[in-house]
C-alpha atoms as a PDB file:
ATOM      1  CA  MET A   1      95.914  69.576  40.335  1.00  0.00           C
ATOM      2  CA  GLN A   2      99.299  68.030  40.477  1.00  0.00           C
ATOM      3  CA  GLY A   3     102.251  70.191  41.009  1.00  0.00           C
ATOM      4  CA  ILE A   4      99.886  73.166  42.511  1.00  0.00           C
ATOM      5  CA  ASP A   5     101.163  74.737  45.597  1.00  0.00           C
ATOM      6  CA  LEU A   6      98.822  73.444  48.086  1.00  0.00           C
ATOM      7  CA  LEU A   7      99.521  75.993  50.902  1.00  0.00           C
ATOM      8  CA  ASN A   8      98.722  78.943  48.566  1.00  0.00           C
ATOM      9  CA  ARG A   9      95.410  77.441  47.714  1.00  0.00           C
ATOM     10  CA  PRO A  10      92.566  79.416  49.117  1.00  0.00           C
ATOM     11  CA  GLU A  11      91.512  76.135  50.853  1.00  0.00           C
ATOM     12  CA  TYR A  12      94.711  75.788  52.868  1.00  0.00           C
ATOM     13  CA  THR A  13      94.891  79.675  53.770  1.00  0.00           C
ATOM     14  CA  GLU A  14      91.655  79.396  55.400  1.00  0.00           C
ATOM     15  CA  ALA A  15      92.525  75.905  57.008  1.00  0.00           C
ATOM     16  CA  LEU A  16      95.467  77.196  58.364  1.00  0.00           C
ATOM     17  CA  GLU A  17      93.736  80.331  60.027  1.00  0.00           C
ATOM     18  CA  LEU A  18      91.432  78.157  61.673  1.00  0.00           C
ATOM     19  CA  TRP A  19      93.936  75.791  62.757  1.00  0.00           C
ATOM     20  CA  HIS A  20      95.827  78.338  64.589  1.00  0.00           C
ATOM     21  CA  GLN A  21      92.365  79.479  66.126  1.00  0.00           C
ATOM     22  CA  GLY A  22      91.800  76.240  67.592  1.00  0.00           C
ATOM     23  CA  ARG A  23      88.768  75.590  65.091  1.00  0.00           C
ATOM     24  CA  PHE A  24      89.478  72.207  64.091  1.00  0.00           C
ATOM     25  CA  TRP A  25      86.176  71.043  62.684  1.00  0.00           C
ATOM     26  CA  GLU A  26      86.328  74.093  60.485  1.00  0.00           C
ATOM     27  CA  VAL A  27      89.684  73.150  59.508  1.00  0.00           C
ATOM     28  CA  HIS A  28      88.250  69.654  58.209  1.00  0.00           C
ATOM     29  CA  GLU A  29      85.200  71.681  56.534  1.00  0.00           C
ATOM     30  CA  ALA A  30      87.855  73.959  54.873  1.00  0.00           C
ATOM     31  CA  LEU A  31      89.860  71.296  53.300  1.00  0.00           C
ATOM     32  CA  GLU A  32      87.349  68.540  52.312  1.00  0.00           C
ATOM     33  CA  PRO A  33      86.532  69.819  48.872  1.00  0.00           C
ATOM     34  CA  LEU A  34      89.953  70.348  47.955  1.00  0.00           C
ATOM     35  CA  TRP A  35      90.854  66.623  49.105  1.00  0.00           C
ATOM     36  CA  GLN A  36      88.303  65.202  46.840  1.00  0.00           C
ATOM     37  CA  GLN A  37      89.890  66.972  43.874  1.00  0.00           C
ATOM     38  CA  LEU A  38      93.432  65.752  44.768  1.00  0.00           C
ATOM     39  CA  SER A  39      95.440  62.744  43.829  1.00  0.00           C
ATOM     40  CA  GLY A  40      98.566  60.987  44.891  1.00  0.00           C
ATOM     41  CA  PRO A  41     100.906  62.442  47.709  1.00  0.00           C
ATOM     42  CA  ASP A  42      98.849  65.783  47.834  1.00  0.00           C
ATOM     43  CA  ARG A  43      95.761  63.808  48.734  1.00  0.00           C
ATOM     44  CA  GLU A  44      97.493  62.015  51.293  1.00  0.00           C
ATOM     45  CA  LEU A  45      98.586  65.302  52.890  1.00  0.00           C
ATOM     46  CA  THR A  46      95.514  66.832  53.034  1.00  0.00           C
ATOM     47  CA  HIS A  47      93.544  64.000  54.155  1.00  0.00           C
ATOM     48  CA  GLY A  48      96.195  63.298  57.021  1.00  0.00           C
ATOM     49  CA  VAL A  49      95.751  66.992  57.945  1.00  0.00           C
ATOM     50  CA  ILE A  50      92.149  66.650  57.920  1.00  0.00           C
ATOM     51  CA  LEU A  51      92.254  63.455  60.230  1.00  0.00           C
ATOM     52  CA  LEU A  52      94.675  65.585  62.668  1.00  0.00           C
ATOM     53  CA  ALA A  53      92.473  68.417  62.672  1.00  0.00           C
ATOM     54  CA  ALA A  54      89.503  65.906  63.318  1.00  0.00           C
ATOM     55  CA  ALA A  55      91.557  64.218  66.082  1.00  0.00           C
ATOM     56  CA  LEU A  56      92.043  67.627  67.705  1.00  0.00           C
ATOM     57  CA  HIS A  57      88.564  68.425  67.429  1.00  0.00           C
ATOM     58  CA  LYS A  58      87.282  64.859  68.813  1.00  0.00           C
ATOM     59  CA  ALA A  59      89.806  64.912  71.511  1.00  0.00           C
ATOM     60  CA  ARG A  60      87.947  67.680  73.623  1.00  0.00           C
ATOM     61  CA  ASP A  61      85.031  65.452  74.517  1.00  0.00           C
ATOM     62  CA  ASN A  62      86.482  61.915  74.093  1.00  0.00           C
ATOM     63  CA  PRO A  63      90.155  61.504  74.050  1.00  0.00           C
ATOM     64  CA  ARG A  64      90.149  57.929  72.800  1.00  0.00           C
ATOM     65  CA  GLY A  65      88.378  59.035  69.823  1.00  0.00           C
ATOM     66  CA  GLY A  66      90.855  61.794  69.229  1.00  0.00           C
ATOM     67  CA  TRP A  67      93.946  59.199  69.314  1.00  0.00           C
ATOM     68  CA  ARG A  68      91.887  57.080  66.866  1.00  0.00           C
ATOM     69  CA  ASN A  69      91.880  59.842  64.308  1.00  0.00           C
ATOM     70  CA  PHE A  70      95.355  60.586  64.795  1.00  0.00           C
ATOM     71  CA  HIS A  71      96.357  56.663  63.854  1.00  0.00           C
ATOM     72  CA  LYS A  72      94.364  57.236  60.859  1.00  0.00           C
ATOM     73  CA  ALA A  73      96.276  60.309  59.898  1.00  0.00           C
ATOM     74  CA  LEU A  74      99.406  58.398  60.231  1.00  0.00           C
ATOM     75  CA  LYS A  75      98.286  56.079  57.667  1.00  0.00           C
ATOM     76  CA  HIS A  76      98.525  58.887  55.296  1.00  0.00           C
ATOM     77  CA  LEU A  77     101.095  61.139  56.599  1.00  0.00           C
ATOM     78  CA  GLU A  78     104.065  58.208  57.190  1.00  0.00           C
ATOM     79  CA  GLY A  79     104.462  57.640  53.558  1.00  0.00           C
ATOM     80  CA  LEU A  80     105.416  61.150  52.776  1.00  0.00           C
ATOM     81  CA  PRO A  81     109.078  62.703  52.712  1.00  0.00           C
ATOM     82  CA  ALA A  82     109.596  64.325  56.245  1.00  0.00           C
ATOM     83  CA  THR A  83     109.103  67.685  54.416  1.00  0.00           C
ATOM     84  CA  TYR A  84     106.515  67.566  51.662  1.00  0.00           C
ATOM     85  CA  ARG A  85     104.849  70.970  49.951  1.00  0.00           C
ATOM     86  CA  GLY A  86     106.174  73.041  52.465  1.00  0.00           C
ATOM     87  CA  VAL A  87     104.834  71.321  55.245  1.00  0.00           C
ATOM     88  CA  ARG A  88     107.296  69.797  57.862  1.00  0.00           C
ATOM     89  CA  VAL A  89     105.171  66.549  58.293  1.00  0.00           C
ATOM     90  CA  VAL A  90     107.239  64.669  60.870  1.00  0.00           C
ATOM     91  CA  ASP A  91     107.145  67.996  62.958  1.00  0.00           C
ATOM     92  CA  LEU A  92     103.269  68.302  62.289  1.00  0.00           C
ATOM     93  CA  ILE A  93     102.639  64.664  63.621  1.00  0.00           C
ATOM     94  CA  GLU A  94     104.721  65.491  66.558  1.00  0.00           C
ATOM     95  CA  ALA A  95     103.161  68.596  67.482  1.00  0.00           C
ATOM     96  CA  THR A  96      99.772  67.044  67.295  1.00  0.00           C
ATOM     97  CA  ARG A  97     100.815  64.084  69.261  1.00  0.00           C
ATOM     98  CA  GLN A  98     101.926  66.359  72.023  1.00  0.00           C
ATOM     99  CA  ALA A  99      99.015  68.458  71.999  1.00  0.00           C
ATOM    100  CA  LEU A 100      96.803  65.191  72.466  1.00  0.00           C
ATOM    101  CA  GLN A 101      99.120  63.885  75.355  1.00  0.00           C
ATOM    102  CA  LYS A 102      99.029  67.254  76.974  1.00  0.00           C
ATOM    103  CA  GLY A 103      94.866  66.971  76.794  1.00  0.00           C
ATOM    104  CA  PRO A 104      91.866  69.200  75.596  1.00  0.00           C
ATOM    105  CA  GLY A 105      92.011  72.505  74.290  1.00  0.00           C
ATOM    106  CA  GLN A 106      95.761  72.231  72.980  1.00  0.00           C
ATOM    107  CA  ILE A 107      96.482  73.931  69.780  1.00  0.00           C
ATOM    108  CA  PRO A 108      99.728  72.444  68.176  1.00  0.00           C
ATOM    109  CA  ALA A 109     101.698  74.473  65.890  1.00  0.00           C
ATOM    110  CA  PHE A 110     101.283  73.829  61.903  1.00  0.00           C
ATOM    111  CA  PRO A 111     105.213  73.473  61.043  1.00  0.00           C
ATOM    112  CA  ARG A 112     105.887  75.073  57.678  1.00  0.00           C
ATOM    113  CA  LEU A 113     109.042  75.843  56.003  1.00  0.00           C
END
């Protein structure tokens, strides 16, 4: 799976549409089968995106739980370059952080190149 264009995979296409709709639990569901097949940085990116989506979902009824998932996501994303596979990783982290700070119901942008 190394070398694939992740964002053009059907799983990511579906996940990004769900993200923009604020359907964060479904983002997790869309990406999990792909995540299980990946390795290396591609796996770390996908795992981080899943955890960010979980953070946004959980924050709706448990802000502390949302922040816990956010910090778990950082462990997977902070080792990646600022931009990886067409995702502006640093901007995605910051957009999610800001959405969590503003409170439930926020839908952060998913920054792409």
